[in-house]
């Protein structure tokens, strides 16, 4: 009998595999182990509704906000789950309240296992540069969410629901920013005046723009036609 099976394709480098396990594999296995509370969707047989309900109510990592103790250079290509160690400190005005300070565990290379040794969690740092958050460095004193490492499945069961997590809000903000940006496309075509007059270039432009997501995502800012003898 052929049964459905989940296959997790993890990266080869040990740190990448560890981070992906924390973000994807452990929450998924915990969801499968604990099951899904179906009382809220008992009247719906729609598969997508059930999946969304299961994901929203999945227990994920506990989170907290922590301030950086040193500047951290941001990756201009993508967001980063930066391994950090945490220190708890009493707030100056209320000794019953605590704040948290995060210190990078050093070079974050995916092959450097030492970056995991003293890590208490994964700080969610945004993509840097003009296509990201607009800054190149996460500065000392700035606060970012940290996903806490968990030591037991019990902690995962008592953790934050995904629908209520800072992690989800950050991901949704990232999607909104990316989908609101348009690709500015310039086209250079070398052709004859006869082909230009035939309207074939307009068809090529339409096909090209559609392949990149259509007018909602692509804006033609300049077109140059080179005459050919």
N, C-alpha and C. Protein backbone atom coordinates (compact mmCIF):
# COMPACT_ATOMS: atom_id res chain seq x y z
N UNK A 1 0.84 -1.18 0.00
CA UNK A 1 0.00 0.00 0.00
C UNK A 1 0.88 1.24 0.00
N UNK A 2 0.59 2.17 -0.89
CA UNK A 2 1.33 3.41 -0.94
C UNK A 2 0.59 4.45 -0.11
N UNK A 3 1.24 4.94 0.92
CA UNK A 3 0.64 5.95 1.80
C UNK A 3 1.29 7.30 1.57
N UNK A 4 0.58 8.35 1.95
CA UNK A 4 1.16 9.68 1.87
C UNK A 4 2.27 9.84 2.90
N UNK A 5 3.35 10.44 2.47
CA UNK A 5 4.47 10.69 3.37
C UNK A 5 4.99 12.10 3.16
N UNK A 6 5.43 12.71 4.24
CA UNK A 6 6.08 14.01 4.15
C UNK A 6 7.57 13.81 4.00
N UNK A 7 8.16 14.50 3.05
CA UNK A 7 9.60 14.46 2.84
C UNK A 7 10.14 15.87 3.04
N UNK A 8 11.02 16.05 4.01
CA UNK A 8 11.64 17.34 4.28
C UNK A 8 13.00 17.38 3.61
N UNK A 9 13.15 18.22 2.62
CA UNK A 9 14.42 18.35 1.90
C UNK A 9 15.20 19.50 2.55
N UNK A 10 16.13 19.17 3.42
CA UNK A 10 16.89 20.17 4.17
C UNK A 10 18.21 20.49 3.49
N UNK A 11 18.74 21.68 3.73
CA UNK A 11 20.05 22.04 3.15
C UNK A 11 21.15 21.12 3.66
N UNK A 12 22.24 21.11 2.94
CA UNK A 12 23.35 20.24 3.31
C UNK A 12 24.22 20.77 4.43
N UNK A 13 24.37 22.09 4.50
CA UNK A 13 25.21 22.66 5.55
C UNK A 13 24.52 22.52 6.91
N UNK A 14 25.28 22.19 7.97
CA UNK A 14 24.66 21.85 9.25
C UNK A 14 23.86 22.97 9.89
N UNK A 15 24.35 24.21 9.82
CA UNK A 15 23.62 25.31 10.45
C UNK A 15 22.34 25.61 9.68
N UNK A 16 22.40 25.60 8.36
CA UNK A 16 21.20 25.80 7.55
C UNK A 16 20.17 24.73 7.86
N UNK A 17 20.62 23.48 7.97
CA UNK A 17 19.70 22.38 8.28
C UNK A 17 19.08 22.56 9.65
N UNK A 18 19.87 23.03 10.61
CA UNK A 18 19.36 23.24 11.96
C UNK A 18 18.31 24.34 12.00
N UNK A 19 18.58 25.46 11.32
CA UNK A 19 17.64 26.58 11.31
C UNK A 19 16.34 26.18 10.61
N UNK A 20 16.45 25.50 9.47
CA UNK A 20 15.25 25.07 8.74
C UNK A 20 14.45 24.06 9.55
N UNK A 21 15.13 23.23 10.31
CA UNK A 21 14.44 22.29 11.19
C UNK A 21 13.63 23.02 12.24
N UNK A 22 14.24 24.06 12.83
CA UNK A 22 13.52 24.85 13.82
C UNK A 22 12.31 25.56 13.22
N UNK A 23 12.47 26.11 12.04
CA UNK A 23 11.42 26.92 11.43
C UNK A 23 10.31 26.09 10.81
N UNK A 24 10.65 24.92 10.26
CA UNK A 24 9.68 24.17 9.46
C UNK A 24 9.37 22.78 10.00
N UNK A 25 10.42 22.01 10.30
CA UNK A 25 10.22 20.60 10.60
C UNK A 25 9.60 20.40 11.98
N UNK A 26 10.18 21.02 13.00
CA UNK A 26 9.67 20.80 14.36
C UNK A 26 8.22 21.26 14.53
N UNK A 27 7.85 22.47 14.05
CA UNK A 27 6.43 22.84 14.17
C UNK A 27 5.50 21.90 13.41
N UNK A 28 5.95 21.42 12.25
CA UNK A 28 5.13 20.50 11.47
C UNK A 28 4.95 19.17 12.20
N UNK A 29 6.03 18.61 12.72
CA UNK A 29 5.94 17.34 13.44
C UNK A 29 5.12 17.48 14.71
N UNK A 30 5.25 18.62 15.37
CA UNK A 30 4.45 18.85 16.57
C UNK A 30 2.97 18.93 16.22
N UNK A 31 2.65 19.58 15.09
CA UNK A 31 1.26 19.67 14.64
C UNK A 31 0.70 18.28 14.33
N UNK A 32 1.51 17.44 13.67
CA UNK A 32 1.07 16.09 13.35
C UNK A 32 0.88 15.25 14.61
N UNK A 33 1.76 15.48 15.58
CA UNK A 33 1.70 14.71 16.83
C UNK A 33 0.50 15.10 17.68
N UNK A 34 0.19 16.41 17.72
CA UNK A 34 -0.88 16.88 18.59
C UNK A 34 -2.25 16.86 17.91
N UNK A 35 -2.25 16.87 16.58
CA UNK A 35 -3.52 16.90 15.88
C UNK A 35 -4.07 18.32 15.78
N UNK A 36 -5.25 18.43 15.21
CA UNK A 36 -5.87 19.73 14.96
C UNK A 36 -7.23 19.78 15.63
N UNK A 37 -7.48 20.86 16.36
CA UNK A 37 -8.80 21.08 16.96
C UNK A 37 -9.77 21.47 15.85
N UNK A 38 -10.78 20.63 15.62
CA UNK A 38 -11.65 20.83 14.46
C UNK A 38 -13.02 21.40 14.80
N UNK A 39 -13.26 21.72 16.06
CA UNK A 39 -14.60 22.17 16.44
C UNK A 39 -15.01 23.44 15.71
N UNK A 40 -14.03 24.30 15.36
CA UNK A 40 -14.34 25.55 14.71
C UNK A 40 -14.61 25.39 13.22
N UNK A 41 -14.23 24.27 12.64
CA UNK A 41 -14.42 24.07 11.21
C UNK A 41 -15.23 22.80 10.92
N UNK A 42 -15.98 22.36 11.91
CA UNK A 42 -16.70 21.10 11.77
C UNK A 42 -17.73 21.15 10.64
N UNK A 43 -18.25 22.34 10.36
CA UNK A 43 -19.27 22.46 9.31
C UNK A 43 -18.68 22.73 7.93
N UNK A 44 -17.38 22.80 7.85
CA UNK A 44 -16.74 23.08 6.56
C UNK A 44 -15.96 21.86 6.09
N UNK A 45 -16.21 21.47 4.86
CA UNK A 45 -15.49 20.34 4.27
C UNK A 45 -14.43 20.81 3.30
N UNK A 46 -14.23 22.13 3.22
CA UNK A 46 -13.26 22.67 2.28
C UNK A 46 -11.85 22.41 2.78
N UNK A 47 -11.02 21.80 1.94
CA UNK A 47 -9.67 21.42 2.35
C UNK A 47 -8.83 22.64 2.68
N UNK A 48 -8.94 23.71 1.87
CA UNK A 48 -8.13 24.90 2.11
C UNK A 48 -8.49 25.58 3.43
N UNK A 49 -9.79 25.58 3.76
CA UNK A 49 -10.22 26.15 5.03
C UNK A 49 -9.62 25.37 6.19
N UNK A 50 -9.62 24.04 6.08
CA UNK A 50 -9.06 23.20 7.13
C UNK A 50 -7.56 23.43 7.29
N UNK A 51 -6.84 23.52 6.16
CA UNK A 51 -5.39 23.73 6.22
C UNK A 51 -5.07 25.07 6.86
N UNK A 52 -5.79 26.13 6.45
CA UNK A 52 -5.56 27.45 7.03
C UNK A 52 -5.83 27.45 8.53
N UNK A 53 -6.89 26.77 8.94
CA UNK A 53 -7.22 26.67 10.37
C UNK A 53 -6.10 25.95 11.11
N UNK A 54 -5.59 24.87 10.54
CA UNK A 54 -4.53 24.10 11.19
C UNK A 54 -3.26 24.93 11.33
N UNK A 55 -2.89 25.66 10.28
CA UNK A 55 -1.67 26.46 10.31
C UNK A 55 -1.81 27.61 11.30
N UNK A 56 -2.95 28.30 11.28
CA UNK A 56 -3.15 29.45 12.18
C UNK A 56 -3.08 29.05 13.64
N UNK A 57 -3.52 27.83 13.95
CA UNK A 57 -3.59 27.39 15.33
C UNK A 57 -2.41 26.49 15.74
N UNK A 58 -1.45 26.36 14.85
CA UNK A 58 -0.26 25.57 15.18
C UNK A 58 0.56 26.28 16.25
N UNK A 59 1.09 25.51 17.19
CA UNK A 59 1.97 26.07 18.21
C UNK A 59 3.36 26.26 17.63
N UNK A 60 3.88 27.46 17.77
CA UNK A 60 5.21 27.77 17.25
C UNK A 60 6.07 28.29 18.39
N UNK A 61 7.25 28.74 18.04
CA UNK A 61 8.19 29.17 19.06
C UNK A 61 7.67 30.35 19.89
N UNK A 62 7.97 30.32 21.19
CA UNK A 62 7.75 31.51 21.99
C UNK A 62 8.65 32.61 21.46
N UNK A 63 8.20 33.85 21.62
CA UNK A 63 8.93 34.98 21.05
C UNK A 63 9.11 36.07 22.11
N UNK A 64 10.11 36.89 21.89
CA UNK A 64 10.28 38.08 22.70
C UNK A 64 11.02 39.12 21.88
N UNK A 65 10.92 40.37 22.29
CA UNK A 65 11.67 41.45 21.66
C UNK A 65 12.98 41.64 22.42
N UNK A 66 14.06 41.79 21.68
CA UNK A 66 15.37 41.99 22.30
C UNK A 66 16.12 43.09 21.57
N UNK A 67 16.90 43.86 22.31
CA UNK A 67 17.69 44.94 21.71
C UNK A 67 19.11 44.46 21.46
N UNK A 68 19.66 44.88 20.35
CA UNK A 68 21.02 44.47 19.99
C UNK A 68 22.05 45.18 20.86
N UNK A 69 23.08 44.44 21.25
CA UNK A 69 24.17 45.03 22.02
C UNK A 69 25.27 45.58 21.12
N UNK A 70 25.26 45.17 19.84
CA UNK A 70 26.24 45.66 18.87
C UNK A 70 25.57 45.77 17.50
N UNK A 71 26.17 46.56 16.62
CA UNK A 71 25.68 46.65 15.25
C UNK A 71 25.81 45.30 14.55
N UNK A 72 24.85 44.98 13.68
CA UNK A 72 24.90 43.76 12.88
C UNK A 72 24.64 44.15 11.43
N UNK A 73 25.54 43.75 10.54
CA UNK A 73 25.37 44.04 9.13
C UNK A 73 24.23 43.21 8.56
N UNK A 74 23.34 43.86 7.82
CA UNK A 74 22.19 43.17 7.24
C UNK A 74 22.53 42.58 5.88
N UNK A 75 21.91 41.46 5.58
CA UNK A 75 22.06 40.81 4.28
C UNK A 75 21.18 41.54 3.27
N UNK A 76 21.77 42.02 2.18
CA UNK A 76 21.01 42.78 1.18
C UNK A 76 20.22 41.88 0.22
N UNK A 77 20.45 40.57 0.32
CA UNK A 77 19.76 39.66 -0.58
C UNK A 77 18.51 39.02 -0.01
N UNK A 78 18.41 38.97 1.33
CA UNK A 78 17.29 38.26 1.94
C UNK A 78 17.23 38.57 3.43
N UNK A 79 16.07 38.31 4.07
CA UNK A 79 16.00 38.39 5.53
C UNK A 79 16.87 37.31 6.15
N UNK A 80 17.17 37.47 7.42
CA UNK A 80 18.08 36.52 8.07
C UNK A 80 17.54 36.12 9.44
N UNK A 81 17.69 34.84 9.75
CA UNK A 81 17.41 34.34 11.09
C UNK A 81 18.76 34.25 11.80
N UNK A 82 19.09 35.29 12.52
CA UNK A 82 20.43 35.49 13.08
C UNK A 82 20.50 34.84 14.46
N UNK A 83 21.47 33.95 14.66
CA UNK A 83 21.62 33.29 15.95
C UNK A 83 22.15 34.29 16.97
N UNK A 84 21.46 34.36 18.12
CA UNK A 84 21.85 35.31 19.16
C UNK A 84 21.82 34.63 20.53
N UNK A 85 22.62 35.14 21.43
CA UNK A 85 22.52 34.78 22.84
C UNK A 85 21.82 35.92 23.56
N UNK A 86 21.04 35.59 24.59
CA UNK A 86 20.21 36.57 25.27
C UNK A 86 20.66 36.79 26.72
N UNK A 87 20.54 38.02 27.15
CA UNK A 87 20.79 38.37 28.54
C UNK A 87 19.57 39.12 29.06
N UNK A 88 19.10 38.74 30.24
CA UNK A 88 17.93 39.39 30.83
C UNK A 88 18.38 40.44 31.84
N UNK A 89 17.71 41.58 31.81
CA UNK A 89 18.05 42.67 32.72
C UNK A 89 16.77 43.29 33.26
N UNK A 90 16.81 43.71 34.54
CA UNK A 90 15.67 44.39 35.12
C UNK A 90 15.55 45.79 34.53
N UNK A 91 14.31 46.21 34.34
CA UNK A 91 14.10 47.56 33.83
C UNK A 91 14.38 48.56 34.96
N UNK A 92 14.86 49.76 34.63
CA UNK A 92 15.26 50.72 35.68
C UNK A 92 14.13 51.14 36.60
N UNK A 93 12.90 51.22 36.09
CA UNK A 93 11.81 51.79 36.87
C UNK A 93 10.90 50.74 37.52
N UNK A 94 11.08 49.47 37.14
CA UNK A 94 10.23 48.42 37.69
C UNK A 94 11.04 47.13 37.77
N UNK A 95 11.39 46.73 38.99
CA UNK A 95 12.23 45.56 39.16
C UNK A 95 11.50 44.25 38.86
N UNK A 96 10.17 44.32 38.69
CA UNK A 96 9.42 43.12 38.33
C UNK A 96 9.31 42.93 36.82
N UNK A 97 9.78 43.91 36.07
CA UNK A 97 9.76 43.84 34.61
C UNK A 97 11.17 43.62 34.09
N UNK A 98 11.26 42.88 33.01
CA UNK A 98 12.57 42.57 32.45
C UNK A 98 12.63 42.98 30.98
N UNK A 99 13.83 43.33 30.56
CA UNK A 99 14.09 43.54 29.14
C UNK A 99 15.19 42.56 28.73
N UNK A 100 15.34 42.38 27.44
CA UNK A 100 16.31 41.40 26.95
C UNK A 100 17.27 42.05 25.96
N UNK A 101 18.52 41.65 26.08
CA UNK A 101 19.56 42.14 25.19
C UNK A 101 20.11 40.96 24.39
N UNK A 102 20.31 41.18 23.09
CA UNK A 102 20.74 40.10 22.20
C UNK A 102 22.15 40.40 21.67
N UNK A 103 22.98 39.38 21.71
CA UNK A 103 24.34 39.48 21.19
C UNK A 103 24.54 38.42 20.12
N UNK A 104 25.03 38.83 18.97
CA UNK A 104 25.27 37.89 17.88
C UNK A 104 26.27 36.82 18.32
N UNK A 105 26.07 35.60 17.83
CA UNK A 105 27.00 34.52 18.14
C UNK A 105 28.20 34.50 17.19
N UNK A 106 28.34 35.55 16.40
CA UNK A 106 29.51 35.66 15.53
C UNK A 106 29.16 35.44 14.07
N UNK A 107 30.16 35.04 13.31
CA UNK A 107 29.98 34.81 11.88
C UNK A 107 28.86 33.80 11.66
N UNK A 108 27.92 34.16 10.77
CA UNK A 108 26.71 33.37 10.59
C UNK A 108 26.78 32.43 9.39
N UNK A 109 27.98 32.07 8.96
CA UNK A 109 28.12 31.17 7.83
C UNK A 109 27.36 29.88 8.07
N UNK A 110 26.74 29.36 7.01
CA UNK A 110 25.89 28.18 7.16
C UNK A 110 26.67 26.93 7.54
N UNK A 111 27.99 26.96 7.39
CA UNK A 111 28.81 25.80 7.75
C UNK A 111 29.45 25.96 9.13
N UNK A 112 29.26 27.11 9.78
CA UNK A 112 29.94 27.39 11.06
C UNK A 112 29.06 26.95 12.23
N UNK A 113 29.29 25.74 12.72
CA UNK A 113 28.48 25.17 13.79
C UNK A 113 28.65 25.95 15.10
N UNK A 114 29.77 26.62 15.27
CA UNK A 114 30.01 27.39 16.50
C UNK A 114 28.95 28.47 16.72
N UNK A 115 28.31 28.92 15.63
CA UNK A 115 27.29 29.96 15.79
C UNK A 115 26.06 29.44 16.51
N UNK A 116 25.94 28.11 16.65
CA UNK A 116 24.81 27.51 17.35
C UNK A 116 25.11 27.26 18.83
N UNK A 117 26.38 27.23 19.18
CA UNK A 117 26.77 26.72 20.50
C UNK A 117 26.13 27.49 21.65
N UNK A 118 26.16 28.80 21.61
CA UNK A 118 25.62 29.59 22.72
C UNK A 118 24.33 30.31 22.36
N UNK A 119 23.70 29.89 21.26
CA UNK A 119 22.50 30.59 20.79
C UNK A 119 21.28 30.23 21.64
N UNK A 120 20.51 31.26 21.99
CA UNK A 120 19.26 31.07 22.72
C UNK A 120 18.06 31.18 21.79
N UNK A 121 18.30 31.71 20.60
CA UNK A 121 17.18 31.88 19.68
C UNK A 121 17.62 32.46 18.35
N UNK A 122 16.64 32.70 17.51
CA UNK A 122 16.87 33.23 16.17
C UNK A 122 16.25 34.62 16.07
N UNK A 123 17.09 35.62 15.90
CA UNK A 123 16.58 36.99 15.75
C UNK A 123 16.18 37.21 14.30
N UNK A 124 14.98 37.72 14.08
CA UNK A 124 14.46 37.94 12.73
C UNK A 124 14.90 39.31 12.25
N UNK A 125 15.94 39.33 11.43
CA UNK A 125 16.45 40.57 10.88
C UNK A 125 15.94 40.77 9.46
N UNK A 126 15.56 41.99 9.11
CA UNK A 126 15.01 42.23 7.77
C UNK A 126 16.09 42.25 6.70
N UNK A 127 15.67 42.14 5.47
CA UNK A 127 16.58 42.31 4.35
C UNK A 127 17.08 43.75 4.33
N UNK A 128 18.37 43.92 4.09
CA UNK A 128 18.93 45.26 4.08
C UNK A 128 18.94 45.88 2.70
N UNK A 129 19.43 47.12 2.62
CA UNK A 129 19.57 47.79 1.33
C UNK A 129 18.29 48.44 0.85
N UNK A 130 18.36 49.09 -0.31
CA UNK A 130 17.21 49.82 -0.84
C UNK A 130 16.02 48.93 -1.20
N UNK A 131 16.26 47.66 -1.49
CA UNK A 131 15.16 46.74 -1.80
C UNK A 131 14.60 46.07 -0.55
N UNK A 132 15.19 46.38 0.59
CA UNK A 132 14.72 45.81 1.85
C UNK A 132 14.19 46.88 2.78
N UNK A 133 14.78 46.95 3.97
CA UNK A 133 14.30 47.89 4.98
C UNK A 133 14.85 49.29 4.80
N UNK A 134 15.79 49.46 3.85
CA UNK A 134 16.34 50.78 3.59
C UNK A 134 17.60 51.11 4.36
N UNK A 135 18.06 50.22 5.23
CA UNK A 135 19.30 50.44 5.96
C UNK A 135 20.21 49.23 5.78
N UNK A 136 21.51 49.48 5.93
CA UNK A 136 22.50 48.41 5.72
C UNK A 136 22.90 47.72 7.01
N UNK A 137 22.58 48.33 8.13
CA UNK A 137 23.02 47.81 9.43
C UNK A 137 21.87 47.85 10.42
N UNK A 138 21.70 46.76 11.17
CA UNK A 138 20.82 46.78 12.33
C UNK A 138 21.65 47.33 13.48
N UNK A 139 21.26 48.49 13.96
CA UNK A 139 22.13 49.24 14.88
C UNK A 139 21.95 48.82 16.34
N UNK A 140 23.01 49.01 17.07
CA UNK A 140 22.98 48.77 18.52
C UNK A 140 21.82 49.54 19.15
N UNK A 141 21.04 48.86 19.98
CA UNK A 141 19.91 49.50 20.64
C UNK A 141 18.58 49.30 19.93
N UNK A 142 18.61 48.87 18.67
CA UNK A 142 17.37 48.58 17.96
C UNK A 142 16.82 47.22 18.42
N UNK A 143 15.50 47.09 18.45
CA UNK A 143 14.86 45.87 18.94
C UNK A 143 14.24 45.09 17.78
N UNK A 144 14.41 43.78 17.83
CA UNK A 144 13.85 42.88 16.82
C UNK A 144 13.29 41.64 17.51
N UNK A 145 12.33 40.95 16.89
CA UNK A 145 11.78 39.72 17.48
C UNK A 145 12.81 38.60 17.47
N UNK A 146 12.74 37.76 18.50
CA UNK A 146 13.60 36.58 18.60
C UNK A 146 12.72 35.36 18.81
N UNK A 147 12.92 34.34 17.95
CA UNK A 147 12.26 33.05 18.14
C UNK A 147 13.11 32.22 19.09
N UNK A 148 12.54 31.84 20.21
CA UNK A 148 13.31 31.14 21.23
C UNK A 148 13.45 29.66 20.89
N UNK A 149 14.66 29.14 21.07
CA UNK A 149 14.84 27.70 20.95
C UNK A 149 14.06 27.01 22.05
N UNK A 150 13.49 25.85 21.73
CA UNK A 150 12.71 25.10 22.71
C UNK A 150 13.42 23.80 23.03
N UNK A 151 13.29 23.36 24.28
CA UNK A 151 13.99 22.15 24.70
C UNK A 151 13.09 20.93 24.76
N UNK A 152 11.77 21.11 24.56
CA UNK A 152 10.88 19.95 24.66
C UNK A 152 9.64 20.17 23.82
N UNK A 153 8.98 19.06 23.49
CA UNK A 153 7.73 19.16 22.76
C UNK A 153 6.64 19.79 23.62
N UNK A 154 6.76 19.66 24.97
CA UNK A 154 5.78 20.31 25.85
C UNK A 154 5.82 21.81 25.67
N UNK A 155 7.03 22.35 25.56
CA UNK A 155 7.15 23.80 25.37
C UNK A 155 6.51 24.23 24.05
N UNK A 156 6.64 23.40 23.02
CA UNK A 156 6.01 23.72 21.74
C UNK A 156 4.49 23.70 21.87
N UNK A 157 3.94 22.76 22.65
CA UNK A 157 2.49 22.68 22.81
C UNK A 157 1.94 23.90 23.54
N UNK A 158 2.75 24.48 24.42
CA UNK A 158 2.30 25.62 25.20
C UNK A 158 2.75 26.95 24.58
N UNK A 159 3.31 26.88 23.40
CA UNK A 159 3.88 28.07 22.79
C UNK A 159 2.85 28.97 22.14
N UNK A 160 3.35 29.94 21.43
CA UNK A 160 2.52 30.91 20.75
C UNK A 160 1.84 30.28 19.55
N UNK A 161 0.59 30.68 19.30
CA UNK A 161 -0.07 30.26 18.08
C UNK A 161 0.48 31.08 16.91
N UNK A 162 0.57 30.42 15.75
CA UNK A 162 1.13 31.10 14.59
C UNK A 162 0.32 32.34 14.22
N UNK A 163 -1.00 32.27 14.36
CA UNK A 163 -1.85 33.41 13.99
C UNK A 163 -1.59 34.63 14.86
N UNK A 164 -1.01 34.43 16.06
CA UNK A 164 -0.77 35.52 16.99
C UNK A 164 0.70 35.93 17.05
N UNK A 165 1.52 35.32 16.23
CA UNK A 165 2.97 35.49 16.37
C UNK A 165 3.50 36.74 15.66
N UNK A 166 4.57 37.29 16.22
CA UNK A 166 5.28 38.39 15.57
C UNK A 166 5.91 37.91 14.27
N UNK A 167 6.30 36.63 14.25
CA UNK A 167 6.90 36.04 13.07
C UNK A 167 5.96 36.15 11.88
N UNK A 168 4.69 35.81 12.09
CA UNK A 168 3.71 35.89 11.00
C UNK A 168 3.54 37.35 10.54
N UNK A 169 3.44 38.27 11.48
CA UNK A 169 3.23 39.67 11.10
C UNK A 169 4.40 40.19 10.29
N UNK A 170 5.62 39.77 10.65
CA UNK A 170 6.79 40.21 9.88
C UNK A 170 6.77 39.62 8.48
N UNK A 171 6.39 38.35 8.34
CA UNK A 171 6.32 37.72 7.03
C UNK A 171 5.26 38.39 6.16
N UNK A 172 4.11 38.70 6.74
CA UNK A 172 3.05 39.34 5.97
C UNK A 172 3.46 40.73 5.52
N UNK A 173 4.17 41.46 6.37
CA UNK A 173 4.66 42.79 6.00
C UNK A 173 5.64 42.69 4.84
N UNK A 174 6.52 41.67 4.87
CA UNK A 174 7.50 41.46 3.81
C UNK A 174 6.80 41.18 2.48
N UNK A 175 5.75 40.35 2.50
CA UNK A 175 5.03 40.02 1.27
C UNK A 175 4.36 41.26 0.70
N UNK A 176 3.75 42.08 1.57
CA UNK A 176 3.06 43.29 1.10
C UNK A 176 4.04 44.25 0.46
N UNK A 177 5.23 44.39 1.05
CA UNK A 177 6.24 45.29 0.48
C UNK A 177 6.70 44.79 -0.87
N UNK A 178 6.97 43.47 -0.96
CA UNK A 178 7.49 42.92 -2.21
C UNK A 178 6.45 42.99 -3.33
N UNK A 179 5.18 42.72 -3.01
CA UNK A 179 4.17 42.71 -4.05
C UNK A 179 3.76 44.11 -4.47
N UNK A 180 4.11 45.11 -3.64
CA UNK A 180 3.74 46.48 -3.99
C UNK A 180 4.77 47.12 -4.92
N UNK A 181 5.94 46.49 -5.04
CA UNK A 181 6.98 47.04 -5.88
C UNK A 181 6.84 46.52 -7.31
N UNK A 182 7.09 47.41 -8.27
CA UNK A 182 7.03 47.01 -9.67
C UNK A 182 8.44 46.88 -10.23
N UNK A 183 8.58 45.95 -11.16
CA UNK A 183 9.82 45.81 -11.90
C UNK A 183 9.81 46.82 -13.03
N UNK A 184 10.84 47.67 -13.10
CA UNK A 184 10.95 48.67 -14.16
C UNK A 184 11.74 48.05 -15.31
N UNK A 185 11.05 47.85 -16.42
CA UNK A 185 11.59 47.09 -17.53
C UNK A 185 11.93 48.01 -18.70
N UNK A 186 13.14 47.93 -19.17
CA UNK A 186 13.54 48.65 -20.38
C UNK A 186 13.80 47.64 -21.49
N UNK A 187 13.35 47.94 -22.70
CA UNK A 187 13.49 47.00 -23.82
C UNK A 187 14.30 47.65 -24.93
N UNK A 188 15.30 46.94 -25.40
CA UNK A 188 16.08 47.36 -26.56
C UNK A 188 15.87 46.32 -27.65
N UNK A 189 15.34 46.73 -28.79
CA UNK A 189 15.05 45.80 -29.89
C UNK A 189 15.76 46.28 -31.15
N UNK A 190 16.49 45.38 -31.77
CA UNK A 190 17.13 45.69 -33.05
C UNK A 190 16.28 45.06 -34.16
N UNK A 191 15.69 45.88 -34.96
CA UNK A 191 14.78 45.39 -36.00
C UNK A 191 14.70 46.40 -37.13
N UNK A 192 13.99 46.04 -38.16
CA UNK A 192 13.82 46.94 -39.30
C UNK A 192 12.57 47.79 -39.12
N UNK A 193 12.49 48.88 -39.90
CA UNK A 193 11.31 49.74 -39.81
C UNK A 193 10.05 48.98 -40.23
N UNK A 194 10.20 48.04 -41.16
CA UNK A 194 9.06 47.26 -41.62
C UNK A 194 8.46 46.43 -40.49
N UNK A 195 9.33 45.76 -39.71
CA UNK A 195 8.85 44.95 -38.60
C UNK A 195 8.25 45.83 -37.50
N UNK A 196 8.83 47.02 -37.31
CA UNK A 196 8.30 47.95 -36.32
C UNK A 196 6.88 48.35 -36.69
N UNK A 197 6.64 48.57 -37.95
CA UNK A 197 5.31 48.99 -38.41
C UNK A 197 4.30 47.86 -38.38
N UNK A 198 4.78 46.62 -38.39
CA UNK A 198 3.86 45.47 -38.45
C UNK A 198 3.15 45.20 -37.13
N UNK A 199 3.65 45.78 -36.05
CA UNK A 199 3.03 45.55 -34.74
C UNK A 199 3.56 44.33 -34.03
N UNK A 200 4.53 43.63 -34.60
CA UNK A 200 5.08 42.43 -33.95
C UNK A 200 5.78 42.76 -32.65
N UNK A 201 6.38 43.95 -32.58
CA UNK A 201 7.10 44.32 -31.36
C UNK A 201 6.15 44.48 -30.17
N UNK A 202 4.96 44.98 -30.45
CA UNK A 202 3.98 45.11 -29.38
C UNK A 202 3.59 43.74 -28.83
N UNK A 203 3.51 42.75 -29.72
CA UNK A 203 3.18 41.39 -29.28
C UNK A 203 4.30 40.81 -28.42
N UNK A 204 5.55 41.08 -28.86
CA UNK A 204 6.71 40.60 -28.08
C UNK A 204 6.72 41.25 -26.71
N UNK A 205 6.44 42.56 -26.67
CA UNK A 205 6.41 43.27 -25.38
C UNK A 205 5.34 42.69 -24.46
N UNK A 206 4.17 42.41 -25.01
CA UNK A 206 3.07 41.87 -24.21
C UNK A 206 3.43 40.50 -23.64
N UNK A 207 4.01 39.65 -24.49
CA UNK A 207 4.41 38.31 -24.04
C UNK A 207 5.45 38.41 -22.93
N UNK A 208 6.43 39.31 -23.11
CA UNK A 208 7.50 39.46 -22.13
C UNK A 208 6.95 39.96 -20.79
N UNK A 209 6.08 40.96 -20.83
CA UNK A 209 5.53 41.50 -19.59
C UNK A 209 4.64 40.49 -18.89
N UNK A 210 3.85 39.73 -19.66
CA UNK A 210 3.00 38.70 -19.06
C UNK A 210 3.81 37.62 -18.37
N UNK A 211 4.95 37.28 -18.97
CA UNK A 211 5.80 36.24 -18.38
C UNK A 211 6.43 36.69 -17.07
N UNK A 212 6.49 38.02 -16.84
CA UNK A 212 7.07 38.56 -15.61
C UNK A 212 6.02 39.00 -14.61
N UNK A 213 4.76 38.66 -14.87
CA UNK A 213 3.72 38.95 -13.89
C UNK A 213 2.66 39.93 -14.33
N UNK A 214 2.77 40.47 -15.54
CA UNK A 214 1.74 41.38 -16.04
C UNK A 214 1.95 42.82 -15.58
N UNK A 215 1.02 43.67 -15.96
CA UNK A 215 1.15 45.10 -15.70
C UNK A 215 1.07 45.45 -14.21
N UNK A 216 0.54 44.55 -13.41
CA UNK A 216 0.49 44.79 -11.96
C UNK A 216 1.88 44.74 -11.33
N UNK A 217 2.80 44.05 -12.01
CA UNK A 217 4.14 43.86 -11.44
C UNK A 217 5.25 44.45 -12.31
N UNK A 218 4.95 44.76 -13.56
CA UNK A 218 5.98 45.23 -14.49
C UNK A 218 5.53 46.54 -15.12
N UNK A 219 6.44 47.49 -15.16
CA UNK A 219 6.15 48.77 -15.79
C UNK A 219 7.21 49.05 -16.86
N UNK A 220 6.77 49.31 -18.07
CA UNK A 220 7.69 49.62 -19.16
C UNK A 220 8.07 51.10 -19.07
N UNK A 221 9.35 51.35 -18.81
CA UNK A 221 9.78 52.73 -18.62
C UNK A 221 10.50 53.31 -19.84
N UNK A 222 11.02 52.47 -20.70
CA UNK A 222 11.73 52.99 -21.86
C UNK A 222 11.84 51.91 -22.92
N UNK A 223 11.64 52.31 -24.17
CA UNK A 223 11.78 51.37 -25.28
C UNK A 223 12.61 52.04 -26.37
N UNK A 224 13.62 51.34 -26.84
CA UNK A 224 14.50 51.85 -27.89
C UNK A 224 14.46 50.88 -29.06
N UNK A 225 14.28 51.38 -30.27
CA UNK A 225 14.31 50.57 -31.48
C UNK A 225 15.52 50.97 -32.31
N UNK A 226 16.35 49.99 -32.64
CA UNK A 226 17.55 50.24 -33.43
C UNK A 226 17.27 49.87 -34.89
N UNK A 227 17.49 50.81 -35.79
CA UNK A 227 17.29 50.53 -37.21
C UNK A 227 18.36 49.57 -37.73
N UNK A 228 17.95 48.67 -38.61
CA UNK A 228 18.87 47.72 -39.23
C UNK A 228 18.73 47.81 -40.74
N UNK A 229 19.86 47.81 -41.41
CA UNK A 229 19.86 47.83 -42.88
C UNK A 229 19.54 46.43 -43.42
